[in-house]
Amino acid sequence: MSATPPLTAAQFAVWADFVLAYTRTMRLVEGRLRSSVRLTWAQYDVLYNLHSHVEGRMSVGELSKSLLYSSGSASNLIRSMVTAGLVERSVSTHDRRVSVVALTGLGRETAETATSQVLEVVGAEFAAKLGETELPAVADFLRRIRSADSGLREPPYELPAQLAPR
């Protein structure tokens, strides 16, 4: 068994900058979500996943896998969102043991408003700082890291047309 080579100081610095840049951007995104539509990132992630799903609904199991949450954590989050009127939960018509989650009208409207807010922050704080010549190398690097985990979402990541920036 071969040992993983140690990090160089330069590699460690890049990793630390990556973590701090992610943290800063996510703080700004969540701050905007909280102030504009009163959502946490976790709640937005549920709305986004449901809104972008082909059927517009997902089982709790599918949703928890997509969110990378345990089914118990996803169930608690969904329960709070049902109470807020953002999603509705029902029993699957194919398997009565399975709960299905779908957006309500308020949830769809909130997802669309929230997505425009997320895109605005990400555009200003991430995309505007990433040069066109850097984009392919950064995309390739991040794709290699993401693809090492088969449990993570895979492309395409296109936003539904009605959510794209105007």
Protein backbone atom coordinates (compact mmCIF):
# COMPACT_ATOMS: atom_id res chain seq x y z
CA MET A 1 0.00 0.00 0.00
CA SER A 2 1.46 3.35 -1.04
CA ALA A 3 1.26 6.33 1.26
CA THR A 4 -0.33 9.52 0.04
CA PRO A 5 2.38 12.10 -0.54
CA PRO A 6 2.28 15.02 1.87
CA LEU A 7 0.91 18.36 0.75
CA THR A 8 3.28 21.06 -0.29
CA ALA A 9 2.87 24.47 1.30
CA ALA A 10 1.49 25.76 -2.02
CA GLN A 11 -1.08 22.94 -2.27
CA PHE A 12 -2.19 23.52 1.31
CA ALA A 13 -2.56 27.26 0.64
CA VAL A 14 -4.71 26.61 -2.44
CA TRP A 15 -6.91 24.16 -0.52
CA ALA A 16 -7.30 26.66 2.34
CA ASP A 17 -8.20 29.43 -0.13
CA PHE A 18 -10.76 27.10 -1.76
CA VAL A 19 -12.40 26.34 1.60
CA LEU A 20 -12.43 30.00 2.65
CA ALA A 21 -13.74 31.17 -0.73
CA TYR A 22 -16.53 28.58 -0.56
CA THR A 23 -17.36 29.59 3.01
CA ARG A 24 -17.47 33.29 2.11
CA THR A 25 -19.64 32.74 -0.96
CA MET A 26 -22.05 30.44 0.88
CA ARG A 27 -22.36 32.93 3.77
CA LEU A 28 -23.32 35.61 1.25
CA VAL A 29 -25.76 33.30 -0.55
CA GLU A 30 -27.44 32.19 2.66
CA GLY A 31 -27.54 35.76 3.96
CA ARG A 32 -29.36 36.83 0.80
CA LEU A 33 -31.75 33.87 1.03
CA ARG A 34 -32.56 34.66 4.66
CA SER A 35 -33.13 38.34 4.01
CA SER A 36 -35.05 38.05 0.73
CA VAL A 37 -37.19 34.91 1.09
CA ARG A 38 -36.59 33.76 4.68
CA LEU A 39 -34.96 30.46 3.68
CA THR A 40 -31.91 28.57 4.86
CA TRP A 41 -29.59 27.01 2.30
CA ALA A 42 -30.95 23.56 3.22
CA GLN A 43 -34.53 24.69 2.56
CA TYR A 44 -33.50 26.27 -0.74
CA ASP A 45 -31.72 23.06 -1.73
CA VAL A 46 -34.97 21.13 -1.22
CA LEU A 47 -36.94 23.65 -3.30
CA TYR A 48 -34.28 23.67 -6.03
CA ASN A 49 -34.18 19.87 -6.26
CA LEU A 50 -37.96 19.59 -6.46
CA HIS A 51 -38.26 22.45 -8.94
CA SER A 52 -35.61 21.05 -11.26
CA HIS A 53 -36.73 17.41 -11.06
CA VAL A 54 -38.35 16.13 -14.25
CA GLU A 55 -41.51 15.01 -12.45
CA GLY A 56 -41.57 17.97 -10.05
CA ARG A 57 -41.76 15.57 -7.13
CA MET A 58 -39.39 13.19 -5.40
CA SER A 59 -39.58 10.50 -2.77
CA VAL A 60 -38.08 11.39 0.60
CA GLY A 61 -35.37 8.80 -0.11
CA GLU A 62 -34.49 10.35 -3.49
CA LEU A 63 -34.47 13.80 -1.96
CA SER A 64 -32.27 12.81 0.99
CA LYS A 65 -29.80 11.14 -1.39
CA SER A 66 -29.71 14.23 -3.61
CA LEU A 67 -29.22 16.50 -0.58
CA LEU A 68 -26.60 14.18 0.96
CA TYR A 69 -28.66 14.06 4.17
CA SER A 70 -29.74 11.12 6.26
CA SER A 71 -33.39 10.25 5.72
CA GLY A 72 -34.13 11.39 9.28
CA SER A 73 -32.57 14.81 8.72
CA ALA A 74 -34.37 15.17 5.39
CA SER A 75 -37.67 14.18 7.02
CA ASN A 76 -37.26 16.84 9.73
CA LEU A 77 -36.41 19.48 7.15
CA ILE A 78 -39.38 18.47 4.97
CA ARG A 79 -41.70 18.52 7.98
CA SER A 80 -40.78 22.14 8.71
CA MET A 81 -41.28 23.04 5.05
CA VAL A 82 -44.72 21.41 5.01
CA THR A 83 -45.62 23.54 8.03
CA ALA A 84 -44.41 26.64 6.16
CA GLY A 85 -46.59 25.72 3.17
CA LEU A 86 -43.64 25.33 0.77
CA VAL A 87 -44.01 21.61 0.04
CA GLU A 88 -46.62 18.92 0.44
CA ARG A 89 -46.04 15.35 1.43
CA SER A 90 -48.17 12.45 0.25
CA VAL A 91 -48.07 8.68 0.00
CA SER A 92 -46.82 7.20 -3.26
CA THR A 93 -49.53 5.74 -5.47
CA HIS A 94 -47.09 2.93 -6.40
CA ASP A 95 -45.86 2.00 -2.92
CA ARG A 96 -47.73 3.04 0.22
CA ARG A 97 -44.50 2.78 2.26
CA VAL A 98 -42.94 5.65 0.28
CA SER A 99 -43.55 9.33 1.00
CA VAL A 100 -43.47 11.72 -1.94
CA VAL A 101 -42.67 15.44 -1.66
CA ALA A 102 -43.84 18.07 -4.14
CA LEU A 103 -43.78 21.86 -4.32
CA THR A 104 -46.86 23.86 -3.46
CA GLY A 105 -47.66 27.00 -5.43
CA LEU A 106 -45.95 29.05 -2.73
CA GLY A 107 -42.95 26.69 -2.86
CA ARG A 108 -42.64 27.08 -6.65
CA GLU A 109 -42.87 30.86 -6.40
CA THR A 110 -40.35 30.92 -3.55
CA ALA A 111 -37.96 28.63 -5.47
CA GLU A 112 -38.03 30.95 -8.47
CA THR A 113 -37.49 34.09 -6.39
CA ALA A 114 -34.75 32.42 -4.34
CA THR A 115 -32.97 31.13 -7.41
CA SER A 116 -32.79 34.60 -8.90
CA GLN A 117 -31.22 35.77 -5.62
CA VAL A 118 -28.72 32.88 -5.58
CA LEU A 119 -27.75 33.53 -9.20
CA GLU A 120 -27.21 37.20 -8.48
CA VAL A 121 -24.84 36.52 -5.57
CA VAL A 122 -23.01 33.69 -7.34
CA GLY A 123 -22.67 35.85 -10.44
CA ALA A 124 -21.15 38.74 -8.51
CA GLU A 125 -19.07 36.79 -5.99
CA PHE A 126 -17.92 33.79 -8.01
CA ALA A 127 -18.51 34.01 -11.75
CA ALA A 128 -17.36 37.63 -12.12
CA LYS A 129 -14.03 36.69 -10.53
CA LEU A 130 -13.46 33.63 -12.73
CA GLY A 131 -11.83 34.60 -16.00
CA GLU A 132 -12.89 32.95 -19.26
CA THR A 133 -9.40 31.49 -19.72
CA GLU A 134 -9.47 30.02 -16.18
CA LEU A 135 -12.91 28.47 -16.52
CA PRO A 136 -11.94 25.24 -18.37
CA ALA A 137 -9.08 24.39 -15.98
CA VAL A 138 -11.11 25.14 -12.85
CA ALA A 139 -14.10 23.19 -14.23
CA ASP A 140 -11.89 20.20 -15.05
CA PHE A 141 -10.27 20.26 -11.60
CA LEU A 142 -13.60 20.44 -9.74
CA ARG A 143 -15.13 17.76 -12.00
CA ARG A 144 -12.29 15.36 -11.10
CA ILE A 145 -12.93 15.88 -7.39
CA ARG A 146 -16.72 15.57 -7.74
CA SER A 147 -16.58 12.49 -9.96
CA ALA A 148 -14.63 10.55 -7.31
CA ASP A 149 -17.91 10.30 -5.33
CA SER A 150 -20.66 8.45 -7.18
CA GLY A 151 -23.19 9.70 -4.61
CA LEU A 152 -22.89 13.30 -5.80
CA ARG A 153 -25.09 14.90 -8.46
CA GLU A 154 -23.88 14.67 -12.01
CA PRO A 155 -24.22 17.11 -14.89
CA PRO A 156 -26.11 18.59 -16.56
CA TYR A 157 -26.79 21.30 -14.02
CA GLU A 158 -28.82 23.57 -16.27
CA LEU A 159 -31.38 25.70 -14.55
CA PRO A 160 -34.93 25.46 -15.83
CA ALA A 161 -35.42 28.19 -18.47
CA GLN A 162 -37.80 30.17 -16.27
CA LEU A 163 -35.07 30.42 -13.60
CA ALA A 164 -32.22 31.59 -15.84
CA PRO A 165 -31.00 35.14 -15.28
CA ARG A 166 -32.92 37.70 -17.30
